[in-house]
Amino acid sequence: MYDMSPQDIERLAELSRLRIDAASIPALQKDFQAIVGYVSSIQNIETGNTGHTRHDIANVMRSDDEAYESGRFTQDILDQSPDREGDYIRVKKVL
């Protein structure tokens, strides 16, 4: 198992743009040791008999060959809007 030195923790804090005091380094060393130990235990799990777990990726979107014609629902949407200006739905200004 990898033991993180105080210099490793200070460097990690610097890269993470975190300020840590010298008094918290021993506690962080202990925490990192527990994390690395947990990850090591996960790496040692036997996964040989789990079978095929990869799923084939497929396009789940509709095909474009039967797309709606442009403007087919425009009037229905405009009729249901609470406030409109011509062929546009009026909404509150959001800044």
PDB file of N, CA and C in Angstrom:
ATOM      1  N   MET A   1       0.839  -1.170   0.000  1.00  0.00           N
ATOM      2  CA  MET A   1       0.000   0.000   0.000  1.00  0.00           C
ATOM      3  C   MET A   1       0.891   1.243   0.000  1.00  0.00           C
ATOM      4  N   TYR A   2       0.444   2.288  -0.679  1.00  0.00           N
ATOM      5  CA  TYR A   2       1.213   3.518  -0.821  1.00  0.00           C
ATOM      6  C   TYR A   2       0.946   4.443   0.357  1.00  0.00           C
ATOM      7  N   ASP A   3       2.003   4.867   1.021  1.00  0.00           N
ATOM      8  CA  ASP A   3       1.871   5.832   2.115  1.00  0.00           C
ATOM      9  C   ASP A   3       2.175   7.219   1.569  1.00  0.00           C
ATOM     10  N   MET A   4       1.256   8.134   1.768  1.00  0.00           N
ATOM     11  CA  MET A   4       1.460   9.498   1.295  1.00  0.00           C
ATOM     12  C   MET A   4       2.303  10.255   2.299  1.00  0.00           C
ATOM     13  N   SER A   5       3.335  10.867   1.810  1.00  0.00           N
ATOM     14  CA  SER A   5       4.198  11.664   2.675  1.00  0.00           C
ATOM     15  C   SER A   5       3.550  13.034   2.900  1.00  0.00           C
ATOM     16  N   PRO A   6       3.997  13.754   3.914  1.00  0.00           N
ATOM     17  CA  PRO A   6       3.472  15.110   4.114  1.00  0.00           C
ATOM     18  C   PRO A   6       3.688  15.998   2.884  1.00  0.00           C
ATOM     19  N   GLN A   7       4.794  15.769   2.173  1.00  0.00           N
ATOM     20  CA  GLN A   7       5.050  16.550   0.960  1.00  0.00           C
ATOM     21  C   GLN A   7       4.018  16.214  -0.127  1.00  0.00           C
ATOM     22  N   ASP A   8       3.628  14.935  -0.217  1.00  0.00           N
ATOM     23  CA  ASP A   8       2.605  14.538  -1.187  1.00  0.00           C
ATOM     24  C   ASP A   8       1.282  15.243  -0.887  1.00  0.00           C
ATOM     25  N   ILE A   9       0.934  15.299   0.374  1.00  0.00           N
ATOM     26  CA  ILE A   9      -0.331  15.934   0.768  1.00  0.00           C
ATOM     27  C   ILE A   9      -0.279  17.434   0.518  1.00  0.00           C
ATOM     28  N   GLU A  10       0.848  18.050   0.811  1.00  0.00           N
ATOM     29  CA  GLU A  10       0.991  19.485   0.550  1.00  0.00           C
ATOM     30  C   GLU A  10       0.904  19.765  -0.950  1.00  0.00           C
ATOM     31  N   ARG A  11       1.520  18.919  -1.759  1.00  0.00           N
ATOM     32  CA  ARG A  11       1.484  19.092  -3.217  1.00  0.00           C
ATOM     33  C   ARG A  11       0.062  18.900  -3.751  1.00  0.00           C
ATOM     34  N   LEU A  12      -0.636  17.892  -3.231  1.00  0.00           N
ATOM     35  CA  LEU A  12      -2.012  17.657  -3.645  1.00  0.00           C
ATOM     36  C   LEU A  12      -2.901  18.840  -3.254  1.00  0.00           C
ATOM     37  N   ALA A  13      -2.700  19.377  -2.073  1.00  0.00           N
ATOM     38  CA  ALA A  13      -3.461  20.550  -1.634  1.00  0.00           C
ATOM     39  C   ALA A  13      -3.163  21.745  -2.534  1.00  0.00           C
ATOM     40  N   GLU A  14      -1.911  21.900  -2.903  1.00  0.00           N
ATOM     41  CA  GLU A  14      -1.523  23.004  -3.791  1.00  0.00           C
ATOM     42  C   GLU A  14      -2.191  22.846  -5.159  1.00  0.00           C
ATOM     43  N   LEU A  15      -2.163  21.639  -5.707  1.00  0.00           N
ATOM     44  CA  LEU A  15      -2.786  21.397  -7.007  1.00  0.00           C
ATOM     45  C   LEU A  15      -4.306  21.581  -6.948  1.00  0.00           C
ATOM     46  N   SER A  16      -4.879  21.277  -5.789  1.00  0.00           N
ATOM     47  CA  SER A  16      -6.321  21.410  -5.604  1.00  0.00           C
ATOM     48  C   SER A  16      -6.714  22.816  -5.183  1.00  0.00           C
ATOM     49  N   ARG A  17      -5.706  23.664  -4.994  1.00  0.00           N
ATOM     50  CA  ARG A  17      -5.908  25.043  -4.552  1.00  0.00           C
ATOM     51  C   ARG A  17      -6.632  25.099  -3.208  1.00  0.00           C
ATOM     52  N   LEU A  18      -6.186  24.214  -2.313  1.00  0.00           N
ATOM     53  CA  LEU A  18      -6.716  24.177  -0.952  1.00  0.00           C
ATOM     54  C   LEU A  18      -5.633  24.608   0.012  1.00  0.00           C
ATOM     55  N   ARG A  19      -6.036  25.320   1.033  1.00  0.00           N
ATOM     56  CA  ARG A  19      -5.108  25.720   2.077  1.00  0.00           C
ATOM     57  C   ARG A  19      -5.276  24.757   3.245  1.00  0.00           C
ATOM     58  N   ILE A  20      -4.200  24.102   3.634  1.00  0.00           N
ATOM     59  CA  ILE A  20      -4.255  23.220   4.799  1.00  0.00           C
ATOM     60  C   ILE A  20      -3.143  23.630   5.751  1.00  0.00           C
ATOM     61  N   ASP A  21      -3.381  23.441   7.025  1.00  0.00           N
ATOM     62  CA  ASP A  21      -2.334  23.763   7.992  1.00  0.00           C
ATOM     63  C   ASP A  21      -1.563  22.487   8.333  1.00  0.00           C
ATOM     64  N   ALA A  22      -0.401  22.658   8.868  1.00  0.00           N
ATOM     65  CA  ALA A  22       0.482  21.528   9.173  1.00  0.00           C
ATOM     66  C   ALA A  22      -0.137  20.568  10.182  1.00  0.00           C
ATOM     67  N   ALA A  23      -0.995  21.072  11.045  1.00  0.00           N
ATOM     68  CA  ALA A  23      -1.611  20.225  12.073  1.00  0.00           C
ATOM     69  C   ALA A  23      -2.600  19.223  11.486  1.00  0.00           C
ATOM     70  N   SER A  24      -3.164  19.520  10.304  1.00  0.00           N
ATOM     71  CA  SER A  24      -4.149  18.615   9.717  1.00  0.00           C
ATOM     72  C   SER A  24      -3.528  17.550   8.821  1.00  0.00           C
ATOM     73  N   ILE A  25      -2.232  17.644   8.552  1.00  0.00           N
ATOM     74  CA  ILE A  25      -1.577  16.687   7.652  1.00  0.00           C
ATOM     75  C   ILE A  25      -1.627  15.250   8.182  1.00  0.00           C
ATOM     76  N   PRO A  26      -1.344  14.986   9.464  1.00  0.00           N
ATOM     77  CA  PRO A  26      -1.439  13.587   9.930  1.00  0.00           C
ATOM     78  C   PRO A  26      -2.834  12.976   9.763  1.00  0.00           C
ATOM     79  N   ALA A  27      -3.870  13.755  10.005  1.00  0.00           N
ATOM     80  CA  ALA A  27      -5.233  13.244   9.820  1.00  0.00           C
ATOM     81  C   ALA A  27      -5.503  12.967   8.348  1.00  0.00           C
ATOM     82  N   LEU A  28      -5.009  13.851   7.472  1.00  0.00           N
ATOM     83  CA  LEU A  28      -5.191  13.637   6.038  1.00  0.00           C
ATOM     84  C   LEU A  28      -4.418  12.413   5.565  1.00  0.00           C
ATOM     85  N   GLN A  29      -3.228  12.188   6.119  1.00  0.00           N
ATOM     86  CA  GLN A  29      -2.469  10.987   5.773  1.00  0.00           C
ATOM     87  C   GLN A  29      -3.268   9.738   6.122  1.00  0.00           C
ATOM     88  N   LYS A  30      -3.879   9.741   7.279  1.00  0.00           N
ATOM     89  CA  LYS A  30      -4.679   8.596   7.714  1.00  0.00           C
ATOM     90  C   LYS A  30      -5.889   8.403   6.785  1.00  0.00           C
ATOM     91  N   ASP A  31      -6.552   9.507   6.422  1.00  0.00           N
ATOM     92  CA  ASP A  31      -7.704   9.428   5.525  1.00  0.00           C
ATOM     93  C   ASP A  31      -7.309   8.897   4.149  1.00  0.00           C
ATOM     94  N   PHE A  32      -6.208   9.416   3.612  1.00  0.00           N
ATOM     95  CA  PHE A  32      -5.760   8.958   2.301  1.00  0.00           C
ATOM     96  C   PHE A  32      -5.354   7.488   2.333  1.00  0.00           C
ATOM     97  N   GLN A  33      -4.759   7.061   3.413  1.00  0.00           N
ATOM     98  CA  GLN A  33      -4.379   5.663   3.560  1.00  0.00           C
ATOM     99  C   GLN A  33      -5.629   4.776   3.536  1.00  0.00           C
ATOM    100  N   ALA A  34      -6.693   5.213   4.204  1.00  0.00           N
ATOM    101  CA  ALA A  34      -7.947   4.452   4.201  1.00  0.00           C
ATOM    102  C   ALA A  34      -8.560   4.416   2.804  1.00  0.00           C
ATOM    103  N   ILE A  35      -8.506   5.528   2.089  1.00  0.00           N
ATOM    104  CA  ILE A  35      -9.059   5.584   0.733  1.00  0.00           C
ATOM    105  C   ILE A  35      -8.278   4.665  -0.198  1.00  0.00           C
ATOM    106  N   VAL A  36      -6.957   4.749  -0.151  1.00  0.00           N
ATOM    107  CA  VAL A  36      -6.123   3.906  -1.008  1.00  0.00           C
ATOM    108  C   VAL A  36      -6.317   2.431  -0.651  1.00  0.00           C
ATOM    109  N   GLY A  37      -6.463   2.138   0.632  1.00  0.00           N
ATOM    110  CA  GLY A  37      -6.724   0.761   1.058  1.00  0.00           C
ATOM    111  C   GLY A  37      -8.040   0.245   0.504  1.00  0.00           C
ATOM    112  N   TYR A  38      -9.069   1.079   0.518  1.00  0.00           N
ATOM    113  CA  TYR A  38     -10.374   0.690  -0.015  1.00  0.00           C
ATOM    114  C   TYR A  38     -10.288   0.432  -1.514  1.00  0.00           C
ATOM    115  N   VAL A  39      -9.626   1.328  -2.245  1.00  0.00           N
ATOM    116  CA  VAL A  39      -9.480   1.147  -3.689  1.00  0.00           C
ATOM    117  C   VAL A  39      -8.681  -0.118  -3.983  1.00  0.00           C
ATOM    118  N   SER A  40      -7.668  -0.383  -3.189  1.00  0.00           N
ATOM    119  CA  SER A  40      -6.881  -1.605  -3.369  1.00  0.00           C
ATOM    120  C   SER A  40      -7.739  -2.844  -3.160  1.00  0.00           C
ATOM    121  N   SER A  41      -8.623  -2.796  -2.173  1.00  0.00           N
ATOM    122  CA  SER A  41      -9.488  -3.959  -1.939  1.00  0.00           C
ATOM    123  C   SER A  41     -10.461  -4.155  -3.092  1.00  0.00           C
ATOM    124  N   ILE A  42     -10.910  -3.083  -3.710  1.00  0.00           N
ATOM    125  CA  ILE A  42     -11.797  -3.198  -4.864  1.00  0.00           C
ATOM    126  C   ILE A  42     -11.047  -3.804  -6.047  1.00  0.00           C
ATOM    127  N   GLN A  43      -9.792  -3.427  -6.216  1.00  0.00           N
ATOM    128  CA  GLN A  43      -9.002  -3.962  -7.325  1.00  0.00           C
ATOM    129  C   GLN A  43      -8.758  -5.456  -7.177  1.00  0.00           C
ATOM    130  N   ASN A  44      -8.830  -5.973  -5.972  1.00  0.00           N
ATOM    131  CA  ASN A  44      -8.570  -7.390  -5.742  1.00  0.00           C
ATOM    132  C   ASN A  44      -9.813  -8.270  -5.859  1.00  0.00           C
ATOM    133  N   ILE A  45     -10.948  -7.689  -6.176  1.00  0.00           N
ATOM    134  CA  ILE A  45     -12.180  -8.468  -6.309  1.00  0.00           C
ATOM    135  C   ILE A  45     -12.097  -9.328  -7.556  1.00  0.00           C
ATOM    136  N   GLU A  46     -12.478 -10.587  -7.417  1.00  0.00           N
ATOM    137  CA  GLU A  46     -12.477 -11.516  -8.544  1.00  0.00           C
ATOM    138  C   GLU A  46     -13.720 -11.250  -9.398  1.00  0.00           C
ATOM    139  N   THR A  47     -13.490 -10.909 -10.643  1.00  0.00           N
ATOM    140  CA  THR A  47     -14.605 -10.600 -11.544  1.00  0.00           C
ATOM    141  C   THR A  47     -14.614 -11.506 -12.764  1.00  0.00           C
ATOM    142  N   GLY A  48     -13.918 -12.623 -12.704  1.00  0.00           N
ATOM    143  CA  GLY A  48     -13.811 -13.497 -13.866  1.00  0.00           C
ATOM    144  C   GLY A  48     -15.105 -14.146 -14.293  1.00  0.00           C
ATOM    145  N   ASN A  49     -16.036 -14.405 -13.383  1.00  0.00           N
ATOM    146  CA  ASN A  49     -17.264 -15.113 -13.730  1.00  0.00           C
ATOM    147  C   ASN A  49     -18.485 -14.205 -13.804  1.00  0.00           C
ATOM    148  N   THR A  50     -18.284 -12.932 -14.065  1.00  0.00           N
ATOM    149  CA  THR A  50     -19.423 -12.017 -14.094  1.00  0.00           C
ATOM    150  C   THR A  50     -20.143 -12.041 -15.427  1.00  0.00           C
ATOM    151  N   GLY A  51     -19.554 -12.631 -16.433  1.00  0.00           N
ATOM    152  CA  GLY A  51     -20.201 -12.681 -17.738  1.00  0.00           C
ATOM    153  C   GLY A  51     -20.040 -11.384 -18.493  1.00  0.00           C
ATOM    154  N   HIS A  52     -20.777 -11.288 -19.550  1.00  0.00           N
ATOM    155  CA  HIS A  52     -20.707 -10.124 -20.427  1.00  0.00           C
ATOM    156  C   HIS A  52     -21.474  -8.969 -19.789  1.00  0.00           C
ATOM    157  N   THR A  53     -20.804  -7.877 -19.484  1.00  0.00           N
ATOM    158  CA  THR A  53     -21.462  -6.740 -18.845  1.00  0.00           C
ATOM    159  C   THR A  53     -21.526  -5.522 -19.741  1.00  0.00           C
ATOM    160  N   ARG A  54     -20.887  -5.572 -20.888  1.00  0.00           N
ATOM    161  CA  ARG A  54     -20.884  -4.423 -21.792  1.00  0.00           C
ATOM    162  C   ARG A  54     -22.151  -4.452 -22.632  1.00  0.00           C
ATOM    163  N   HIS A  55     -22.802  -3.321 -22.739  1.00  0.00           N
ATOM    164  CA  HIS A  55     -24.025  -3.221 -23.525  1.00  0.00           C
ATOM    165  C   HIS A  55     -23.701  -2.567 -24.854  1.00  0.00           C
ATOM    166  N   ASP A  56     -24.316  -3.068 -25.893  1.00  0.00           N
ATOM    167  CA  ASP A  56     -24.138  -2.441 -27.195  1.00  0.00           C
ATOM    168  C   ASP A  56     -24.868  -1.110 -27.197  1.00  0.00           C
ATOM    169  N   ILE A  57     -24.189  -0.102 -27.674  1.00  0.00           N
ATOM    170  CA  ILE A  57     -24.768   1.231 -27.697  1.00  0.00           C
ATOM    171  C   ILE A  57     -25.520   1.395 -29.008  1.00  0.00           C
ATOM    172  N   ALA A  58     -26.741   1.844 -28.893  1.00  0.00           N
ATOM    173  CA  ALA A  58     -27.564   2.062 -30.081  1.00  0.00           C
ATOM    174  C   ALA A  58     -28.156   3.456 -30.019  1.00  0.00           C
ATOM    175  N   ASN A  59     -28.467   3.991 -31.164  1.00  0.00           N
ATOM    176  CA  ASN A  59     -29.097   5.297 -31.221  1.00  0.00           C
ATOM    177  C   ASN A  59     -30.541   5.156 -30.754  1.00  0.00           C
ATOM    178  N   VAL A  60     -30.890   5.845 -29.681  1.00  0.00           N
ATOM    179  CA  VAL A  60     -32.233   5.735 -29.129  1.00  0.00           C
ATOM    180  C   VAL A  60     -33.137   6.882 -29.587  1.00  0.00           C
ATOM    181  N   MET A  61     -32.610   7.759 -30.386  1.00  0.00           N
ATOM    182  CA  MET A  61     -33.404   8.860 -30.908  1.00  0.00           C
ATOM    183  C   MET A  61     -34.222   8.362 -32.104  1.00  0.00           C
ATOM    184  N   ARG A  62     -35.277   9.074 -32.410  1.00  0.00           N
ATOM    185  CA  ARG A  62     -36.090   8.674 -33.557  1.00  0.00           C
ATOM    186  C   ARG A  62     -35.303   8.901 -34.845  1.00  0.00           C
ATOM    187  N   SER A  63     -35.634   8.146 -35.842  1.00  0.00           N
ATOM    188  CA  SER A  63     -34.969   8.335 -37.131  1.00  0.00           C
ATOM    189  C   SER A  63     -35.565   9.579 -37.795  1.00  0.00           C
ATOM    190  N   ASP A  64     -34.784  10.236 -38.611  1.00  0.00           N
ATOM    191  CA  ASP A  64     -35.232  11.470 -39.248  1.00  0.00           C
ATOM    192  C   ASP A  64     -36.067  11.225 -40.495  1.00  0.00           C
ATOM    193  N   ASP A  65     -36.226   9.991 -40.885  1.00  0.00           N
ATOM    194  CA  ASP A  65     -36.959   9.737 -42.123  1.00  0.00           C
ATOM    195  C   ASP A  65     -38.450  10.012 -41.991  1.00  0.00           C
ATOM    196  N   GLU A  66     -39.002  10.035 -40.778  1.00  0.00           N
ATOM    197  CA  GLU A  66     -40.414  10.331 -40.582  1.00  0.00           C
ATOM    198  C   GLU A  66     -40.587  11.561 -39.690  1.00  0.00           C
ATOM    199  N   ALA A  67     -39.818  12.588 -39.931  1.00  0.00           N
ATOM    200  CA  ALA A  67     -39.898  13.805 -39.118  1.00  0.00           C
ATOM    201  C   ALA A  67     -41.190  14.551 -39.433  1.00  0.00           C
ATOM    202  N   TYR A  68     -41.668  15.336 -38.451  1.00  0.00           N
ATOM    203  CA  TYR A  68     -42.865  16.126 -38.681  1.00  0.00           C
ATOM    204  C   TYR A  68     -42.572  17.220 -39.679  1.00  0.00           C
ATOM    205  N   GLU A  69     -43.582  17.594 -40.423  1.00  0.00           N
ATOM    206  CA  GLU A  69     -43.400  18.695 -41.354  1.00  0.00           C
ATOM    207  C   GLU A  69     -43.289  19.997 -40.565  1.00  0.00           C
ATOM    208  N   SER A  70     -42.510  20.906 -41.058  1.00  0.00           N
ATOM    209  CA  SER A  70     -42.279  22.165 -40.381  1.00  0.00           C
ATOM    210  C   SER A  70     -43.578  22.944 -40.238  1.00  0.00           C
ATOM    211  N   GLY A  71     -43.845  23.431 -39.031  1.00  0.00           N
ATOM    212  CA  GLY A  71     -45.017  24.248 -38.784  1.00  0.00           C
ATOM    213  C   GLY A  71     -46.296  23.473 -38.534  1.00  0.00           C
ATOM    214  N   ARG A  72     -46.232  22.184 -38.493  1.00  0.00           N
ATOM    215  CA  ARG A  72     -47.433  21.354 -38.325  1.00  0.00           C
ATOM    216  C   ARG A  72     -48.166  21.656 -37.018  1.00  0.00           C
ATOM    217  N   PHE A  73     -47.431  21.908 -35.942  1.00  0.00           N
ATOM    218  CA  PHE A  73     -48.046  22.146 -34.637  1.00  0.00           C
ATOM    219  C   PHE A  73     -47.931  23.594 -34.178  1.00  0.00           C
ATOM    220  N   THR A  74     -47.437  24.464 -35.027  1.00  0.00           N
ATOM    221  CA  THR A  74     -47.191  25.854 -34.638  1.00  0.00           C
ATOM    222  C   THR A  74     -48.465  26.538 -34.152  1.00  0.00           C
ATOM    223  N   GLN A  75     -49.534  26.434 -34.899  1.00  0.00           N
ATOM    224  CA  GLN A  75     -50.769  27.130 -34.530  1.00  0.00           C
ATOM    225  C   GLN A  75     -51.354  26.564 -33.244  1.00  0.00           C
ATOM    226  N   ASP A  76     -51.282  25.251 -33.034  1.00  0.00           N
ATOM    227  CA  ASP A  76     -51.776  24.647 -31.790  1.00  0.00           C
ATOM    228  C   ASP A  76     -51.006  25.177 -30.580  1.00  0.00           C
ATOM    229  N   ILE A  77     -49.694  25.289 -30.717  1.00  0.00           N
ATOM    230  CA  ILE A  77     -48.865  25.786 -29.623  1.00  0.00           C
ATOM    231  C   ILE A  77     -49.165  27.259 -29.355  1.00  0.00           C
ATOM    232  N   LEU A  78     -49.267  28.056 -30.415  1.00  0.00           N
ATOM    233  CA  LEU A  78     -49.561  29.478 -30.243  1.00  0.00           C
ATOM    234  C   LEU A  78     -50.936  29.694 -29.615  1.00  0.00           C
ATOM    235  N   ASP A  79     -51.915  28.865 -29.973  1.00  0.00           N
ATOM    236  CA  ASP A  79     -53.255  29.003 -29.407  1.00  0.00           C
ATOM    237  C   ASP A  79     -53.272  28.699 -27.914  1.00  0.00           C
ATOM    238  N   GLN A  80     -52.379  27.873 -27.439  1.00  0.00           N
ATOM    239  CA  GLN A  80     -52.348  27.500 -26.030  1.00  0.00           C
ATOM    240  C   GLN A  80     -51.475  28.421 -25.181  1.00  0.00           C
ATOM    241  N   SER A  81     -50.724  29.314 -25.795  1.00  0.00           N
ATOM    242  CA  SER A  81     -49.837  30.186 -25.021  1.00  0.00           C
ATOM    243  C   SER A  81     -50.651  31.292 -24.346  1.00  0.00           C
ATOM    244  N   PRO A  82     -50.278  31.674 -23.122  1.00  0.00           N
ATOM    245  CA  PRO A  82     -51.039  32.698 -22.398  1.00  0.00           C
ATOM    246  C   PRO A  82     -50.868  34.102 -22.977  1.00  0.00           C
ATOM    247  N   ASP A  83     -49.743  34.381 -23.607  1.00  0.00           N
ATOM    248  CA  ASP A  83     -49.489  35.715 -24.146  1.00  0.00           C
ATOM    249  C   ASP A  83     -48.695  35.563 -25.437  1.00  0.00           C
ATOM    250  N   ARG A  84     -49.168  36.177 -26.483  1.00  0.00           N
ATOM    251  CA  ARG A  84     -48.454  36.053 -27.748  1.00  0.00           C
ATOM    252  C   ARG A  84     -48.459  37.366 -28.499  1.00  0.00           C
ATOM    253  N   GLU A  85     -47.498  37.474 -29.395  1.00  0.00           N
ATOM    254  CA  GLU A  85     -47.378  38.658 -30.243  1.00  0.00           C
ATOM    255  C   GLU A  85     -47.165  38.164 -31.662  1.00  0.00           C
ATOM    256  N   GLY A  86     -48.188  38.202 -32.460  1.00  0.00           N
ATOM    257  CA  GLY A  86     -48.102  37.668 -33.819  1.00  0.00           C
ATOM    258  C   GLY A  86     -47.884  36.170 -33.774  1.00  0.00           C
ATOM    259  N   ASP A  87     -46.846  35.721 -34.419  1.00  0.00           N
ATOM    260  CA  ASP A  87     -46.517  34.287 -34.441  1.00  0.00           C
ATOM    261  C   ASP A  87     -45.463  33.925 -33.404  1.00  0.00           C
ATOM    262  N   TYR A  88     -45.333  34.728 -32.356  1.00  0.00           N
ATOM    263  CA  TYR A  88     -44.337  34.488 -31.315  1.00  0.00           C
ATOM    264  C   TYR A  88     -45.018  34.383 -29.954  1.00  0.00           C
ATOM    265  N   ILE A  89     -44.470  33.548 -29.095  1.00  0.00           N
ATOM    266  CA  ILE A  89     -44.946  33.459 -27.720  1.00  0.00           C
ATOM    267  C   ILE A  89     -44.196  34.495 -26.911  1.00  0.00           C
ATOM    268  N   ARG A  90     -44.941  35.324 -26.196  1.00  0.00           N
ATOM    269  CA  ARG A  90     -44.314  36.371 -25.384  1.00  0.00           C
ATOM    270  C   ARG A  90     -43.998  35.781 -24.000  1.00  0.00           C
ATOM    271  N   VAL A  91     -42.755  35.966 -23.567  1.00  0.00           N
ATOM    272  CA  VAL A  91     -42.322  35.491 -22.254  1.00  0.00           C
ATOM    273  C   VAL A  91     -41.703  36.649 -21.483  1.00  0.00           C
ATOM    274  N   LYS A  92     -41.588  36.466 -20.159  1.00  0.00           N
ATOM    275  CA  LYS A  92     -40.957  37.497 -19.336  1.00  0.00           C
ATOM    276  C   LYS A  92     -39.475  37.564 -19.648  1.00  0.00           C
ATOM    277  N   LYS A  93     -38.938  38.770 -19.549  1.00  0.00           N
ATOM    278  CA  LYS A  93     -37.518  38.967 -19.763  1.00  0.00           C
ATOM    279  C   LYS A  93     -36.739  38.340 -18.608  1.00  0.00           C
ATOM    280  N   VAL A  94     -35.729  37.549 -18.943  1.00  0.00           N
ATOM    281  CA  VAL A  94     -34.893  36.894 -17.937  1.00  0.00           C
ATOM    282  C   VAL A  94     -33.455  37.339 -18.159  1.00  0.00           C
ATOM    283  N   LEU A  95     -32.922  37.989 -17.169  1.00  0.00           N
ATOM    284  CA  LEU A  95     -31.529  38.458 -17.304  1.00  0.00           C
ATOM    285  C   LEU A  95     -30.688  37.837 -16.232  1.00  0.00           C
TER     286      LEU A  95
END
